[in-house]
Amino acid sequence: MQKPNIIVKNGEPKAVILDLREYGRLLEIAEAKSDLSELKKIKKSKTLFRPIEEYAGRL
């Protein structure tokens, strides 16, 4: 893994250049956190869930 390169403009960090694999890894982490957040919202809601087996016979 390469070390990230920080782009500085007027003495302030403005952007980062990442290794492509590291970027992909960060995207996966962000997506997993988003999925977990959505799951928590769904569990708190009053939505009724049924096991897939109840519908399997209907397909």
N, C-alpha and C. Protein backbone atom coordinates (compact mmCIF):
# COMPACT_ATOMS: atom_id res chain seq x y z
N MET A 1 0.84 -1.18 0.00
CA MET A 1 0.00 0.00 0.00
C MET A 1 0.88 1.24 0.00
N GLN A 2 0.53 2.17 -0.87
CA GLN A 2 1.25 3.42 -0.94
C GLN A 2 0.76 4.37 0.15
N LYS A 3 1.64 5.25 0.56
CA LYS A 3 1.27 6.29 1.51
C LYS A 3 0.42 7.33 0.77
N PRO A 4 -0.67 7.82 1.38
CA PRO A 4 -1.49 8.84 0.72
C PRO A 4 -0.69 10.12 0.46
N ASN A 5 -0.97 10.77 -0.65
CA ASN A 5 -0.36 12.06 -0.97
C ASN A 5 -1.38 13.14 -0.69
N ILE A 6 -0.99 14.11 0.12
CA ILE A 6 -1.89 15.22 0.47
C ILE A 6 -1.55 16.41 -0.41
N ILE A 7 -2.56 16.95 -1.06
CA ILE A 7 -2.40 18.13 -1.91
C ILE A 7 -2.67 19.36 -1.05
N VAL A 8 -1.71 20.28 -1.04
CA VAL A 8 -1.81 21.48 -0.22
C VAL A 8 -1.91 22.70 -1.12
N LYS A 9 -2.86 23.59 -0.78
CA LYS A 9 -3.02 24.84 -1.52
C LYS A 9 -3.08 25.98 -0.50
N ASN A 10 -2.23 26.96 -0.69
CA ASN A 10 -2.15 28.09 0.25
C ASN A 10 -1.93 27.63 1.68
N GLY A 11 -1.12 26.60 1.85
CA GLY A 11 -0.78 26.10 3.18
C GLY A 11 -1.86 25.25 3.83
N GLU A 12 -2.95 24.97 3.14
CA GLU A 12 -4.05 24.17 3.69
C GLU A 12 -4.23 22.88 2.89
N PRO A 13 -4.40 21.74 3.57
CA PRO A 13 -4.67 20.50 2.85
C PRO A 13 -6.02 20.60 2.13
N LYS A 14 -6.04 20.26 0.84
CA LYS A 14 -7.25 20.38 0.02
C LYS A 14 -7.73 19.06 -0.57
N ALA A 15 -6.82 18.12 -0.79
CA ALA A 15 -7.20 16.85 -1.42
C ALA A 15 -6.19 15.77 -1.03
N VAL A 16 -6.60 14.53 -1.28
CA VAL A 16 -5.73 13.39 -0.99
C VAL A 16 -5.72 12.46 -2.20
N ILE A 17 -4.55 11.99 -2.56
CA ILE A 17 -4.43 10.98 -3.61
C ILE A 17 -4.14 9.66 -2.91
N LEU A 18 -5.03 8.68 -3.13
CA LEU A 18 -4.91 7.37 -2.48
C LEU A 18 -4.58 6.29 -3.50
N ASP A 19 -3.96 5.24 -3.01
CA ASP A 19 -3.78 4.02 -3.78
C ASP A 19 -5.17 3.50 -4.14
N LEU A 20 -5.35 2.99 -5.33
CA LEU A 20 -6.66 2.53 -5.79
C LEU A 20 -7.24 1.45 -4.89
N ARG A 21 -6.42 0.54 -4.42
CA ARG A 21 -6.91 -0.52 -3.52
C ARG A 21 -7.41 0.07 -2.21
N GLU A 22 -6.68 1.03 -1.68
CA GLU A 22 -7.08 1.67 -0.43
C GLU A 22 -8.40 2.42 -0.61
N TYR A 23 -8.55 3.10 -1.74
CA TYR A 23 -9.79 3.79 -2.05
C TYR A 23 -10.96 2.79 -2.08
N GLY A 24 -10.76 1.67 -2.74
CA GLY A 24 -11.79 0.64 -2.80
C GLY A 24 -12.14 0.11 -1.42
N ARG A 25 -11.13 -0.09 -0.60
CA ARG A 25 -11.35 -0.57 0.77
C ARG A 25 -12.17 0.44 1.57
N LEU A 26 -11.85 1.72 1.42
CA LEU A 26 -12.59 2.76 2.13
C LEU A 26 -14.04 2.83 1.65
N LEU A 27 -14.26 2.63 0.35
CA LEU A 27 -15.63 2.61 -0.17
C LEU A 27 -16.43 1.45 0.44
N GLU A 28 -15.80 0.29 0.55
CA GLU A 28 -16.47 -0.87 1.14
C GLU A 28 -16.84 -0.61 2.59
N ILE A 29 -15.94 0.01 3.34
CA ILE A 29 -16.21 0.33 4.74
C ILE A 29 -17.38 1.31 4.84
N ALA A 30 -17.37 2.34 4.00
CA ALA A 30 -18.45 3.34 4.02
C ALA A 30 -19.78 2.69 3.67
N GLU A 31 -19.79 1.80 2.70
CA GLU A 31 -21.03 1.12 2.31
C GLU A 31 -21.54 0.22 3.43
N ALA A 32 -20.63 -0.49 4.09
CA ALA A 32 -21.03 -1.36 5.19
C ALA A 32 -21.62 -0.54 6.33
N LYS A 33 -21.03 0.60 6.64
CA LYS A 33 -21.57 1.46 7.70
C LYS A 33 -22.95 1.99 7.32
N SER A 34 -23.11 2.34 6.06
CA SER A 34 -24.40 2.84 5.58
C SER A 34 -25.46 1.74 5.69
N ASP A 35 -25.09 0.52 5.28
CA ASP A 35 -26.01 -0.61 5.37
C ASP A 35 -26.41 -0.86 6.82
N LEU A 36 -25.45 -0.80 7.73
CA LEU A 36 -25.72 -1.02 9.14
C LEU A 36 -26.66 0.06 9.68
N SER A 37 -26.43 1.29 9.27
CA SER A 37 -27.28 2.40 9.70
C SER A 37 -28.72 2.18 9.22
N GLU A 38 -28.88 1.76 7.96
CA GLU A 38 -30.22 1.49 7.42
C GLU A 38 -30.88 0.34 8.17
N LEU A 39 -30.13 -0.70 8.48
CA LEU A 39 -30.68 -1.84 9.21
C LEU A 39 -31.18 -1.41 10.58
N LYS A 40 -30.41 -0.56 11.26
CA LYS A 40 -30.84 -0.07 12.57
C LYS A 40 -32.13 0.73 12.46
N LYS A 41 -32.26 1.55 11.42
CA LYS A 41 -33.48 2.33 11.21
C LYS A 41 -34.67 1.40 10.98
N ILE A 42 -34.48 0.38 10.17
CA ILE A 42 -35.55 -0.57 9.86
C ILE A 42 -35.99 -1.31 11.12
N LYS A 43 -35.02 -1.73 11.93
CA LYS A 43 -35.36 -2.46 13.15
C LYS A 43 -36.15 -1.60 14.12
N LYS A 44 -35.89 -0.28 14.13
CA LYS A 44 -36.61 0.63 15.01
C LYS A 44 -38.01 0.95 14.48
N SER A 45 -38.21 0.78 13.19
CA SER A 45 -39.52 1.09 12.60
C SER A 45 -40.51 -0.01 12.95
N LYS A 46 -41.75 0.23 12.61
CA LYS A 46 -42.80 -0.75 12.90
C LYS A 46 -43.08 -1.64 11.70
N THR A 47 -42.12 -1.73 10.80
CA THR A 47 -42.27 -2.56 9.62
C THR A 47 -42.33 -4.03 10.01
N LEU A 48 -43.26 -4.76 9.43
CA LEU A 48 -43.41 -6.18 9.72
C LEU A 48 -42.57 -6.99 8.73
N PHE A 49 -41.76 -7.87 9.24
CA PHE A 49 -40.93 -8.73 8.40
C PHE A 49 -41.39 -10.17 8.55
N ARG A 50 -41.29 -10.90 7.44
CA ARG A 50 -41.63 -12.32 7.44
C ARG A 50 -40.46 -13.10 6.84
N PRO A 51 -40.26 -14.32 7.31
CA PRO A 51 -39.18 -15.13 6.75
C PRO A 51 -39.42 -15.42 5.26
N ILE A 52 -38.37 -15.52 4.50
CA ILE A 52 -38.46 -15.78 3.05
C ILE A 52 -39.16 -17.11 2.79
N GLU A 53 -39.06 -18.04 3.73
CA GLU A 53 -39.68 -19.35 3.55
C GLU A 53 -41.20 -19.23 3.39
N GLU A 54 -41.80 -18.21 3.97
CA GLU A 54 -43.25 -18.03 3.82
C GLU A 54 -43.63 -17.71 2.38
N TYR A 55 -42.70 -17.15 1.64
CA TYR A 55 -42.97 -16.76 0.25
C TYR A 55 -42.41 -17.76 -0.76
N ALA A 56 -41.52 -18.62 -0.32
CA ALA A 56 -40.83 -19.53 -1.24
C ALA A 56 -41.81 -20.41 -2.01
N GLY A 57 -42.86 -20.85 -1.37
CA GLY A 57 -43.84 -21.70 -2.03
C GLY A 57 -44.66 -20.98 -3.08
N ARG A 58 -44.69 -19.67 -3.02
CA ARG A 58 -45.49 -18.87 -3.96
C ARG A 58 -44.76 -18.59 -5.26
N LEU A 59 -43.48 -18.85 -5.31
CA LEU A 59 -42.69 -18.53 -6.51
C LEU A 59 -42.83 -19.53 -7.58
